[in-house]
Amino acid sequence: MTETTTQELPVFALDPSQERAVELVARARIGVVTGGPGTGKTTCLRTALDRIDASGGRQCMHCRGTGRSLVDDGFGDAYEEVCYQCGGTGRTSVYVLCAPTGKAARRMTEATGRLCTTVHRALDYGPTGNGEMGFRRNKLIPIEADLVVIDEASMLDVELAASLFAAINPATTRLVLVGDMNQLPSVGPGRVFADLIEALPPENVARLTVLHRAAAQSWVCTQAPQILAGELPDTNARPDFLWVKISDRDSAASALVDVVTKFLPDKKKTSREDIQTLVPQRIGPAGGEVLNTRLQALLNPERGDNEEAIKSGPYRLRVGDRVIQTKNDYTLLVMNGEVGVIERAHNMWTTCTACDGEGRMQLSDEDAMVTCSACKGAKKFAPGVTVRFPDGAGERRVEYPKNKCDALALAYALTIHKSQGSEWPWVVVFVHSTHTKMLTRNLLYTAITRAKIGVVIVGDEAGLKRAVKETSDTARNTALVERMRAS
């Protein structure tokens, strides 16, 4: 594993590894940029896009705009590219920026100053014309762009990656994937990002290893490499870090709740919306389900018997709740792991607005719609919720019918696996020996690197030592490397 070093650099100066990453984004037919927090992945991407914009695209040096030409990308063999009658002077480069989730797309939009969308939108998911839903960008109708950039590429599973790669014409479109190879692999099958890094020639992979001036002052950026090296992080208190050491599991869970609901809001003046709790496992006395119920009661308490709400699994969801989508829904275009907030919820009791409530009726769990008896069916009401999700362009609102609400769960406490691709100003991480079976080095690394400002770790020393030592959870059996090398 490459050791990360700290180096003082002038503001906006690029170190050699960053310059190489910028060149790779700007010129390579296929490339990967990987690095940990504070090494400048976003800076490299933004700089490369600025240079592409300033250059006005690529110049046809052979046919002066009369058709196709072979263009040497500088990183391999020449490849065929379509020339759009540019007269040899070049053309504006068209690039598509995307990420696996809406929240990651929004982060990329904010970081680059350019619109980023989800991979599913880039692949134009919708009716395919044969009565089914699917990706309308494919091998026959590829993505129309000079360059496609995928951020948070470690989240790509095999199925989504296969659809994406099929929709890229290598004769006309370049592909660059950006991410952190030390993050947990995708929730879905495979380890596409890590396999690509292993299979591609070294000249097609840029590894960022230098911590820059601002990052060198950050607990996350300085301690993440320590954890990857199998060393315990520095647990001394500082403005962006706190270690709450408690051996008893129940007391530790209570301390975590206090940190989220009292300490960070009061002492750090942090909005509760800017705090995310991360846990290794969902079930158990100190698992995500129990913590979600406790945090919901304090952060979004019930407001009365007539409160609008809807049941989903072990939870009763209501307006204002932070929720997460737990499986891909290609009809609603909401993907597994996307986090949003409920804006509207319909209660199990509903009031008929057509007759001023005289036909108030109770719904059963199986009902999808009720008819008001007082106005003889003039008013029907379908229960469900409206969830506001962050998106590359800002926000989008998704209407959930009741039969799809079971895919929603409370998200005040998320499993670390579900946190991939997201960032919050503060994260509170539960690292306790009672979660021993789930604690691994990559899990802890992924958890702390979700923080933009600071981290609080709540747990015991045995749990922290176990997390730093254990590496067995990262292995996955795939054949992608072998197939790429054989092709």
Protein backbone atom coordinates (compact mmCIF):
# COMPACT_ATOMS: atom_id res chain seq x y z
CA MET A 1 0.00 0.00 0.00
CA THR A 2 1.35 3.43 -0.89
CA GLU A 3 2.24 5.55 2.12
CA THR A 4 0.62 8.97 2.22
CA THR A 5 3.02 11.83 2.97
CA THR A 6 2.40 15.40 4.03
CA GLN A 7 3.83 18.15 1.86
CA GLU A 8 3.53 21.93 1.98
CA LEU A 9 2.50 23.30 -1.43
CA PRO A 10 1.63 26.80 -2.66
CA VAL A 11 -2.06 27.55 -2.97
CA PHE A 12 -3.50 26.10 -6.21
CA ALA A 13 -0.18 24.42 -7.07
CA LEU A 14 -0.49 20.87 -8.33
CA ASP A 15 1.97 18.22 -7.20
CA PRO A 16 3.36 15.83 -9.87
CA SER A 17 0.78 13.13 -9.15
CA GLN A 18 -2.01 15.70 -9.55
CA GLU A 19 -0.57 16.98 -12.84
CA ARG A 20 -0.55 13.41 -14.09
CA ALA A 21 -4.18 12.97 -12.99
CA VAL A 22 -5.19 16.17 -14.80
CA GLU A 23 -3.50 15.00 -17.99
CA LEU A 24 -5.19 11.63 -17.69
CA VAL A 25 -8.66 13.23 -17.36
CA ALA A 26 -7.95 15.58 -20.25
CA ARG A 27 -6.49 13.06 -22.70
CA ALA A 28 -6.75 9.36 -21.80
CA ARG A 29 -9.12 7.09 -23.65
CA ILE A 30 -9.82 5.27 -20.36
CA GLY A 31 -8.37 6.23 -17.00
CA VAL A 32 -8.75 5.97 -13.25
CA VAL A 33 -7.95 8.62 -10.64
CA THR A 34 -7.77 7.33 -7.07
CA GLY A 35 -6.73 8.87 -3.76
CA GLY A 36 -7.76 9.31 -0.16
CA PRO A 37 -9.29 12.36 1.52
CA GLY A 38 -7.25 15.54 1.17
CA THR A 39 -5.21 14.37 -1.81
CA GLY A 40 -7.06 16.57 -4.31
CA LYS A 41 -9.24 14.33 -6.48
CA THR A 42 -11.82 17.09 -6.91
CA THR A 43 -9.13 19.71 -7.54
CA CYS A 44 -7.67 17.58 -10.32
CA LEU A 45 -11.05 17.00 -11.93
CA ARG A 46 -12.03 20.66 -11.79
CA THR A 47 -8.64 21.73 -13.19
CA ALA A 48 -8.86 19.21 -16.02
CA LEU A 49 -12.36 20.36 -16.97
CA ASP A 50 -11.21 23.99 -16.88
CA ARG A 51 -8.40 23.13 -19.28
CA ILE A 52 -10.73 21.22 -21.57
CA ASP A 53 -13.11 24.17 -21.64
CA ALA A 54 -10.29 26.63 -22.31
CA SER A 55 -8.88 24.57 -25.16
CA GLY A 56 -12.21 24.48 -26.99
CA GLY A 57 -12.03 20.74 -27.45
CA ARG A 58 -9.64 18.56 -29.45
CA GLN A 59 -8.17 19.49 -32.81
CA CYS A 60 -8.43 17.35 -35.95
CA MET A 61 -4.87 17.28 -37.25
CA HIS A 62 -5.37 14.94 -40.20
CA CYS A 63 -8.55 15.47 -42.16
CA ARG A 64 -9.31 19.15 -41.46
CA GLY A 65 -12.95 18.43 -40.85
CA THR A 66 -13.78 16.09 -43.72
CA GLY A 67 -14.63 12.97 -41.72
CA ARG A 68 -12.92 10.51 -39.41
CA SER A 69 -9.33 10.62 -38.22
CA LEU A 70 -7.00 8.67 -35.95
CA VAL A 71 -6.14 10.59 -32.80
CA ASP A 72 -3.32 9.63 -30.46
CA ASP A 73 -4.47 10.09 -26.85
CA GLY A 74 -0.92 10.01 -25.49
CA PHE A 75 -1.61 7.01 -23.26
CA GLY A 76 -1.82 4.16 -25.74
CA ASP A 77 -2.60 3.31 -29.33
CA ALA A 78 -4.27 5.75 -31.69
CA TYR A 79 -8.03 5.34 -31.90
CA GLU A 80 -10.72 6.46 -34.30
CA GLU A 81 -12.69 9.58 -33.53
CA VAL A 82 -15.46 11.36 -35.38
CA CYS A 83 -14.55 14.82 -36.65
CA TYR A 84 -17.50 17.20 -36.80
CA GLN A 85 -16.44 19.33 -39.77
CA CYS A 86 -14.28 21.48 -37.53
CA GLY A 87 -12.01 22.72 -40.33
CA GLY A 88 -9.03 21.57 -38.29
CA THR A 89 -9.50 24.19 -35.60
CA GLY A 90 -11.06 21.99 -32.94
CA ARG A 91 -14.53 21.85 -31.45
CA THR A 92 -16.15 22.35 -28.09
CA SER A 93 -15.74 19.26 -25.93
CA VAL A 94 -18.94 17.74 -24.57
CA TYR A 95 -18.59 15.91 -21.26
CA VAL A 96 -21.05 14.09 -19.05
CA LEU A 97 -20.42 14.05 -15.30
CA CYS A 98 -22.27 11.50 -13.21
CA ALA A 99 -22.23 9.56 -9.96
CA PRO A 100 -24.04 6.47 -8.69
CA THR A 101 -26.35 8.34 -6.28
CA GLY A 102 -28.18 11.65 -6.25
CA LYS A 103 -26.29 12.90 -3.21
CA ALA A 104 -22.91 12.09 -4.75
CA ALA A 105 -24.05 13.82 -7.95
CA ARG A 106 -24.99 16.92 -5.98
CA ARG A 107 -21.59 16.94 -4.26
CA MET A 108 -19.87 16.69 -7.64
CA THR A 109 -21.97 19.57 -8.98
CA GLU A 110 -21.00 21.76 -6.03
CA ALA A 111 -17.32 20.80 -6.23
CA THR A 112 -16.84 21.28 -9.99
CA GLY A 113 -19.32 24.07 -10.67
CA ARG A 114 -20.78 21.92 -13.45
CA LEU A 115 -23.99 19.93 -13.66
CA CYS A 116 -23.61 16.32 -12.60
CA THR A 117 -26.36 13.73 -12.82
CA THR A 118 -26.84 10.16 -11.68
CA VAL A 119 -25.57 7.28 -13.78
CA HIS A 120 -29.16 6.16 -14.29
CA ARG A 121 -30.11 9.53 -15.75
CA ALA A 122 -27.03 9.54 -17.95
CA LEU A 123 -28.18 6.16 -19.26
CA ASP A 124 -31.68 7.65 -19.79
CA TYR A 125 -33.68 5.15 -17.80
CA GLY A 126 -37.33 4.99 -18.88
CA PRO A 127 -39.87 3.16 -21.09
CA THR A 128 -38.04 1.18 -23.76
CA GLY A 129 -41.00 0.93 -26.15
CA ASN A 130 -41.74 -2.75 -25.54
CA GLY A 131 -43.81 -2.23 -22.42
CA GLU A 132 -40.80 -2.48 -20.14
CA MET A 133 -38.52 -0.03 -18.33
CA GLY A 134 -34.80 0.04 -18.95
CA PHE A 135 -31.77 2.03 -20.01
CA ARG A 136 -32.37 3.75 -23.35
CA ARG A 137 -28.67 4.44 -23.79
CA ASN A 138 -26.88 1.26 -24.82
CA LYS A 139 -24.52 -0.15 -27.43
CA LEU A 140 -26.85 0.82 -30.27
CA ILE A 141 -27.68 4.26 -28.85
CA PRO A 142 -24.58 5.27 -26.86
CA ILE A 143 -24.09 8.32 -24.65
CA GLU A 144 -23.31 11.31 -26.87
CA ALA A 145 -20.21 12.85 -25.32
CA ASP A 146 -16.50 13.26 -25.80
CA LEU A 147 -15.85 12.39 -22.17
CA VAL A 148 -17.79 10.58 -19.43
CA VAL A 149 -16.56 11.03 -15.85
CA ILE A 150 -17.86 8.84 -13.02
CA ASP A 151 -17.28 10.13 -9.49
CA GLU A 152 -17.48 7.87 -6.41
CA ALA A 153 -16.79 5.02 -8.83
CA SER A 154 -16.09 2.56 -6.00
CA MET A 155 -19.89 2.38 -5.61
CA LEU A 156 -20.39 0.88 -9.08
CA ASP A 157 -21.49 -2.74 -8.99
CA VAL A 158 -21.08 -5.17 -11.87
CA GLU A 159 -24.58 -4.78 -13.30
CA LEU A 160 -24.61 -0.97 -13.39
CA ALA A 161 -21.03 -0.85 -14.66
CA ALA A 162 -21.86 -3.29 -17.47
CA SER A 163 -24.77 -1.11 -18.60
CA LEU A 164 -22.59 2.00 -18.43
CA PHE A 165 -19.67 0.52 -20.36
CA ALA A 166 -22.02 -0.84 -23.02
CA ALA A 167 -23.36 2.69 -23.61
CA ILE A 168 -19.91 4.18 -24.26
CA ASN A 169 -18.58 4.07 -27.80
CA PRO A 170 -14.77 3.79 -27.46
CA ALA A 171 -14.33 5.30 -30.92
CA THR A 172 -15.87 8.61 -29.89
CA THR A 173 -16.07 8.77 -26.09
CA ARG A 174 -13.40 8.68 -23.40
CA LEU A 175 -14.09 7.30 -19.90
CA VAL A 176 -12.55 8.38 -16.58
CA LEU A 177 -13.48 6.95 -13.18
CA VAL A 178 -12.68 8.83 -9.97
CA GLY A 179 -12.81 7.39 -6.46
CA ASP A 180 -11.03 6.02 -3.42
CA MET A 181 -9.80 2.46 -3.84
CA ASN A 182 -9.71 1.99 -0.06
CA GLN A 183 -13.43 2.56 0.41
CA LEU A 184 -15.73 -0.39 0.97
CA PRO A 185 -16.69 -2.14 -2.28
CA SER A 186 -20.12 -1.57 -3.81
CA VAL A 187 -23.26 -2.72 -2.00
CA GLY A 188 -24.11 -4.78 -5.10
CA PRO A 189 -21.97 -7.60 -6.51
CA GLY A 190 -18.39 -7.17 -7.68
CA ARG A 191 -15.50 -4.82 -6.99
CA VAL A 192 -15.41 -3.03 -10.33
CA PHE A 193 -13.31 -0.02 -9.33
CA ALA A 194 -10.57 -2.03 -7.64
CA ASP A 195 -10.54 -4.57 -10.48
CA LEU A 196 -10.09 -1.83 -13.07
CA ILE A 197 -7.15 -0.39 -11.15
CA GLU A 198 -5.56 -3.83 -11.06
CA ALA A 199 -6.26 -4.66 -14.71
CA LEU A 200 -5.46 -1.37 -16.45
CA PRO A 201 -1.87 -0.53 -17.50
CA PRO A 202 -0.08 1.65 -14.90
CA GLU A 203 -0.05 4.61 -17.29
CA ASN A 204 -3.86 4.66 -17.19
CA VAL A 205 -4.06 4.97 -13.40
CA ALA A 206 -3.24 8.12 -11.44
CA ARG A 207 -2.69 7.58 -7.71
CA LEU A 208 -2.86 10.69 -5.52
CA THR A 209 -0.85 10.33 -2.31
CA VAL A 210 0.18 13.82 -1.16
CA LEU A 211 -1.75 15.60 1.58
CA HIS A 212 -1.96 19.33 0.94
CA ARG A 213 -1.79 22.26 3.31
CA ALA A 214 -5.42 22.41 4.46
CA ALA A 215 -5.75 18.62 4.61
CA ALA A 216 -2.59 18.34 6.72
CA GLN A 217 -4.47 20.05 9.57
CA SER A 218 -7.47 17.70 9.39
CA TRP A 219 -7.86 14.77 11.78
CA VAL A 220 -9.60 12.72 9.09
CA CYS A 221 -6.98 13.35 6.40
CA THR A 222 -4.03 12.65 8.70
CA GLN A 223 -5.48 9.67 10.55
CA ALA A 224 -7.15 7.84 7.65
CA PRO A 225 -3.73 6.75 6.27
CA GLN A 226 -2.76 5.59 9.78
CA ILE A 227 -5.81 3.35 9.92
CA LEU A 228 -5.10 1.93 6.46
CA ALA A 229 -1.57 1.12 7.64
CA GLY A 230 -3.02 -0.86 10.56
CA GLU A 231 -2.11 1.73 13.21
CA LEU A 232 -4.43 3.12 15.87
CA PRO A 233 -5.47 6.71 15.18
CA ASP A 234 -4.62 9.58 17.50
CA THR A 235 -7.52 9.79 19.97
CA ASN A 236 -6.57 13.04 21.69
CA ALA A 237 -9.39 15.58 21.62
CA ARG A 238 -9.11 18.40 19.10
CA PRO A 239 -11.54 20.83 17.41
CA ASP A 240 -12.46 18.32 14.69
CA PHE A 241 -12.30 15.09 16.71
CA LEU A 242 -13.58 13.57 19.96
CA TRP A 243 -13.10 10.07 21.36
CA VAL A 244 -15.88 9.05 23.79
CA LYS A 245 -14.56 5.93 25.50
CA ILE A 246 -17.23 3.84 27.25
CA SER A 247 -17.04 0.06 27.81
CA ASP A 248 -20.67 -0.73 28.62
CA ARG A 249 -22.65 -1.12 25.39
CA ASP A 250 -25.89 0.44 26.59
CA SER A 251 -24.08 3.36 28.20
CA ALA A 252 -22.10 3.87 24.99
CA ALA A 253 -25.30 3.93 22.93
CA SER A 254 -26.81 6.49 25.31
CA ALA A 255 -23.65 8.59 25.10
CA LEU A 256 -23.87 8.48 21.31
CA VAL A 257 -27.44 9.76 21.44
CA ASP A 258 -26.34 12.59 23.73
CA VAL A 259 -23.51 13.53 21.36
CA VAL A 260 -25.93 13.75 18.43
CA THR A 261 -28.79 15.52 20.21
CA LYS A 262 -26.93 17.71 22.72
CA PHE A 263 -23.13 17.94 22.53
CA LEU A 264 -22.62 18.72 18.83
CA PRO A 265 -25.63 21.08 18.53
CA ASP A 266 -24.74 22.90 21.77
CA LYS A 267 -20.94 22.85 21.97
CA LYS A 268 -20.07 22.88 18.27
CA LYS A 269 -23.11 24.94 17.19
CA THR A 270 -23.84 22.31 14.58
CA SER A 271 -27.25 21.92 12.95
CA ARG A 272 -28.77 18.52 13.60
CA GLU A 273 -29.23 18.15 9.84
CA ASP A 274 -25.42 18.31 9.53
CA ILE A 275 -24.84 15.32 11.84
CA GLN A 276 -24.98 11.70 10.73
CA THR A 277 -24.70 8.65 12.98
CA LEU A 278 -22.91 5.66 11.47
CA VAL A 279 -22.98 2.13 12.91
CA PRO A 280 -21.40 -1.18 11.81
CA GLN A 281 -24.61 -3.20 11.98
CA ARG A 282 -28.37 -2.69 11.68
CA ILE A 283 -29.73 -5.13 14.25
CA GLY A 284 -28.96 -5.74 17.92
CA PRO A 285 -29.32 -3.75 21.16
CA ALA A 286 -27.03 -0.97 19.89
CA GLY A 287 -27.71 -1.47 16.18
CA GLY A 288 -29.11 0.97 13.67
CA GLU A 289 -32.78 0.06 14.21
CA VAL A 290 -32.66 0.73 17.97
CA LEU A 291 -30.65 3.94 17.56
CA ASN A 292 -32.99 5.16 14.82
CA THR A 293 -36.01 4.75 17.09
CA ARG A 294 -34.27 6.58 19.95
CA LEU A 295 -33.00 9.40 17.73
CA GLN A 296 -36.37 9.83 15.99
CA ALA A 297 -38.08 10.24 19.37
CA LEU A 298 -35.70 13.10 20.24
CA LEU A 299 -35.07 14.73 16.86
CA ASN A 300 -38.56 14.39 15.37
CA PRO A 301 -40.98 13.54 18.20
CA GLU A 302 -44.64 12.71 17.72
CA ARG A 303 -46.87 15.76 17.60
CA GLY A 304 -50.27 14.25 18.49
CA ASP A 305 -52.87 11.58 17.69
CA ASN A 306 -53.85 13.20 14.40
CA GLU A 307 -50.31 13.29 13.08
CA GLU A 308 -49.92 12.05 9.53
CA ALA A 309 -47.67 8.99 9.39
CA ILE A 310 -47.27 5.64 7.68
CA LYS A 311 -45.82 2.35 8.84
CA SER A 312 -42.73 0.87 7.18
CA GLY A 313 -41.12 -2.22 8.69
CA PRO A 314 -40.22 -1.51 12.32
CA TYR A 315 -40.68 2.23 11.84
CA ARG A 316 -43.54 4.71 11.82
CA LEU A 317 -42.51 7.33 9.29
CA ARG A 318 -43.72 10.91 9.65
CA VAL A 319 -43.12 14.35 8.20
CA GLY A 320 -39.62 15.60 8.89
CA ASP A 321 -38.02 12.15 9.21
CA ARG A 322 -34.68 11.46 7.56
CA VAL A 323 -35.11 8.28 5.49
CA ILE A 324 -33.05 6.05 3.23
CA GLN A 325 -34.07 4.00 0.19
CA THR A 326 -33.09 0.37 0.84
CA LYS A 327 -33.35 -1.09 -2.67
CA ASN A 328 -33.18 0.08 -6.26
CA ASP A 329 -36.52 1.26 -7.64
CA TYR A 330 -36.24 1.86 -11.36
CA THR A 331 -39.83 3.06 -11.61
CA LEU A 332 -39.39 5.86 -9.08
CA LEU A 333 -35.74 6.31 -10.13
CA VAL A 334 -34.53 6.10 -6.55
CA MET A 335 -31.47 3.98 -5.91
CA ASN A 336 -30.38 1.92 -2.94
CA GLY A 337 -28.63 4.17 -0.40
CA GLU A 338 -30.19 7.53 -1.34
CA VAL A 339 -31.07 9.61 1.72
CA GLY A 340 -33.91 12.14 1.82
CA VAL A 341 -36.45 13.83 4.08
CA ILE A 342 -40.20 13.16 4.23
CA GLU A 343 -42.15 16.30 3.28
CA ARG A 344 -45.65 14.85 3.33
CA ALA A 345 -47.20 11.69 4.79
CA HIS A 346 -50.75 10.38 4.79
CA ASN A 347 -52.02 8.94 8.03
CA MET A 348 -53.79 5.62 8.46
CA TRP A 349 -56.76 7.91 9.18
CA THR A 350 -57.72 10.29 6.43
CA THR A 351 -60.22 13.13 6.17
CA CYS A 352 -62.33 13.62 3.06
CA THR A 353 -61.86 17.20 1.89
CA ALA A 354 -64.81 16.97 -0.52
CA CYS A 355 -67.35 16.80 2.29
CA ASP A 356 -65.53 18.59 5.10
CA GLY A 357 -64.54 15.41 6.87
CA GLU A 358 -67.96 13.85 7.43
CA GLY A 359 -66.72 10.75 5.63
CA ARG A 360 -63.59 10.25 7.69
CA MET A 361 -62.53 6.63 7.32
CA GLN A 362 -59.81 4.35 8.62
CA LEU A 363 -57.46 2.55 6.26
CA SER A 364 -56.17 -0.92 6.87
CA ASP A 365 -52.58 -1.89 6.13
CA GLU A 366 -53.71 -3.59 2.93
CA ASP A 367 -55.71 -0.66 1.55
CA ALA A 368 -54.22 1.26 -1.34
CA MET A 369 -57.21 3.60 -1.65
CA VAL A 370 -60.42 4.36 0.27
CA THR A 371 -63.77 5.75 -0.77
CA CYS A 372 -65.59 8.30 1.36
CA SER A 373 -69.05 7.02 2.29
CA ALA A 374 -70.44 10.48 3.08
CA CYS A 375 -70.00 11.80 -0.47
CA LYS A 376 -70.68 8.42 -2.11
CA GLY A 377 -67.30 7.89 -3.69
CA ALA A 378 -66.69 11.42 -4.93
CA LYS A 379 -63.41 11.54 -3.05
CA LYS A 380 -60.70 8.87 -3.07
CA PHE A 381 -57.42 9.03 -1.28
CA ALA A 382 -54.26 6.99 -1.84
CA PRO A 383 -51.92 6.91 1.18
CA GLY A 384 -48.21 7.32 0.80
CA VAL A 385 -45.36 9.78 1.37
CA THR A 386 -43.48 12.48 -0.52
CA VAL A 387 -39.70 12.40 -0.04
CA ARG A 388 -37.30 15.20 -0.94
CA PHE A 389 -33.96 13.90 -2.23
CA PRO A 390 -30.82 15.91 -3.07
CA ASP A 391 -29.92 15.75 -6.75
CA GLY A 392 -27.21 17.07 -9.01
CA ALA A 393 -29.37 20.03 -10.04
CA GLY A 394 -30.58 20.72 -6.49
CA GLU A 395 -33.49 18.65 -5.18
CA ARG A 396 -36.16 16.32 -6.51
CA ARG A 397 -39.39 15.15 -4.91
CA VAL A 398 -40.56 11.57 -5.23
CA GLU A 399 -44.15 10.46 -4.57
CA TYR A 400 -44.24 7.04 -2.89
CA PRO A 401 -47.49 5.06 -3.03
CA LYS A 402 -48.11 3.04 0.11
CA ASN A 403 -47.06 -0.24 -1.48
CA LYS A 404 -43.56 1.16 -2.08
CA CYS A 405 -43.03 2.69 1.35
CA ASP A 406 -41.60 -0.56 2.69
CA ALA A 407 -38.40 0.32 0.83
CA LEU A 408 -37.93 3.32 3.12
CA ALA A 409 -36.21 3.15 6.50
CA LEU A 410 -35.24 5.74 9.07
CA ALA A 411 -31.79 7.19 8.42
CA TYR A 412 -30.86 9.01 11.62
CA ALA A 413 -28.44 6.11 12.12
CA LEU A 414 -27.07 4.48 8.99
CA THR A 415 -24.96 1.41 8.56
CA ILE A 416 -21.53 2.35 7.30
CA HIS A 417 -22.12 0.32 4.14
CA LYS A 418 -25.14 2.50 3.35
CA SER A 419 -23.15 5.71 3.84
CA GLN A 420 -20.96 5.23 0.78
CA GLY A 421 -20.94 8.14 -1.62
CA SER A 422 -22.30 10.57 0.97
CA GLU A 423 -20.70 13.26 3.10
CA TRP A 424 -21.87 15.17 6.14
CA PRO A 425 -20.18 17.98 8.08
CA TRP A 426 -20.02 15.79 11.21
CA VAL A 427 -20.24 12.02 11.59
CA VAL A 428 -20.66 10.14 14.87
CA VAL A 429 -19.31 6.59 14.57
CA PHE A 430 -20.15 3.72 16.92
CA VAL A 431 -17.06 1.51 17.28
CA HIS A 432 -17.72 -0.99 20.05
CA SER A 433 -16.53 -4.53 20.70
CA THR A 434 -20.13 -5.78 20.78
CA HIS A 435 -20.12 -5.22 16.99
CA THR A 436 -16.94 -7.28 16.60
CA LYS A 437 -18.16 -9.40 13.68
CA MET A 438 -18.69 -6.33 11.51
CA LEU A 439 -15.68 -4.20 12.50
CA THR A 440 -12.97 -4.01 9.84
CA ARG A 441 -10.29 -1.56 8.78
CA ASN A 442 -12.03 -0.53 5.56
CA LEU A 443 -15.31 -0.11 7.43
CA LEU A 444 -13.73 2.34 9.91
CA TYR A 445 -11.88 4.13 7.11
CA THR A 446 -15.09 4.52 5.11
CA ALA A 447 -16.96 5.83 8.16
CA ILE A 448 -14.51 8.56 9.16
CA THR A 449 -13.95 9.73 5.59
CA ARG A 450 -17.66 10.59 5.30
CA ALA A 451 -16.93 13.67 7.45
CA LYS A 452 -16.20 17.09 5.95
CA ILE A 453 -15.57 18.91 9.25
CA GLY A 454 -15.24 16.53 12.18
CA VAL A 455 -15.65 13.06 13.68
CA VAL A 456 -16.81 11.72 17.04
CA ILE A 457 -16.02 8.07 17.77
CA VAL A 458 -18.07 6.45 20.54
CA GLY A 459 -17.06 3.02 21.80
CA ASP A 460 -14.36 1.07 23.59
CA GLU A 461 -10.68 0.45 23.04
CA ALA A 462 -11.23 -3.22 22.21
CA GLY A 463 -13.62 -2.29 19.40
CA LEU A 464 -11.24 0.32 17.98
CA LYS A 465 -8.30 -2.10 18.04
CA ARG A 466 -10.39 -4.78 16.36
CA ALA A 467 -11.51 -2.40 13.60
CA VAL A 468 -7.95 -1.31 12.83
CA LYS A 469 -6.58 -4.87 12.85
CA GLU A 470 -9.25 -6.76 10.88
CA THR A 471 -9.00 -6.84 7.08
CA SER A 472 -10.89 -10.06 6.19
CA ASP A 473 -14.14 -8.40 5.05
CA THR A 474 -12.69 -6.85 1.89
CA ALA A 475 -12.17 -9.98 -0.26
CA ARG A 476 -14.56 -10.67 -3.15
CA ASN A 477 -14.19 -13.32 -5.80
CA THR A 478 -14.54 -11.80 -9.26
CA ALA A 479 -13.22 -12.63 -12.74
CA LEU A 480 -13.15 -9.13 -14.20
CA VAL A 481 -9.38 -8.74 -14.05
CA GLU A 482 -8.77 -12.05 -15.81
CA ARG A 483 -11.34 -11.27 -18.50
CA MET A 484 -9.89 -7.83 -19.17
CA ARG A 485 -6.37 -9.19 -19.45
CA ALA A 486 -7.55 -11.94 -21.78
CA SER A 487 -9.39 -9.54 -24.10
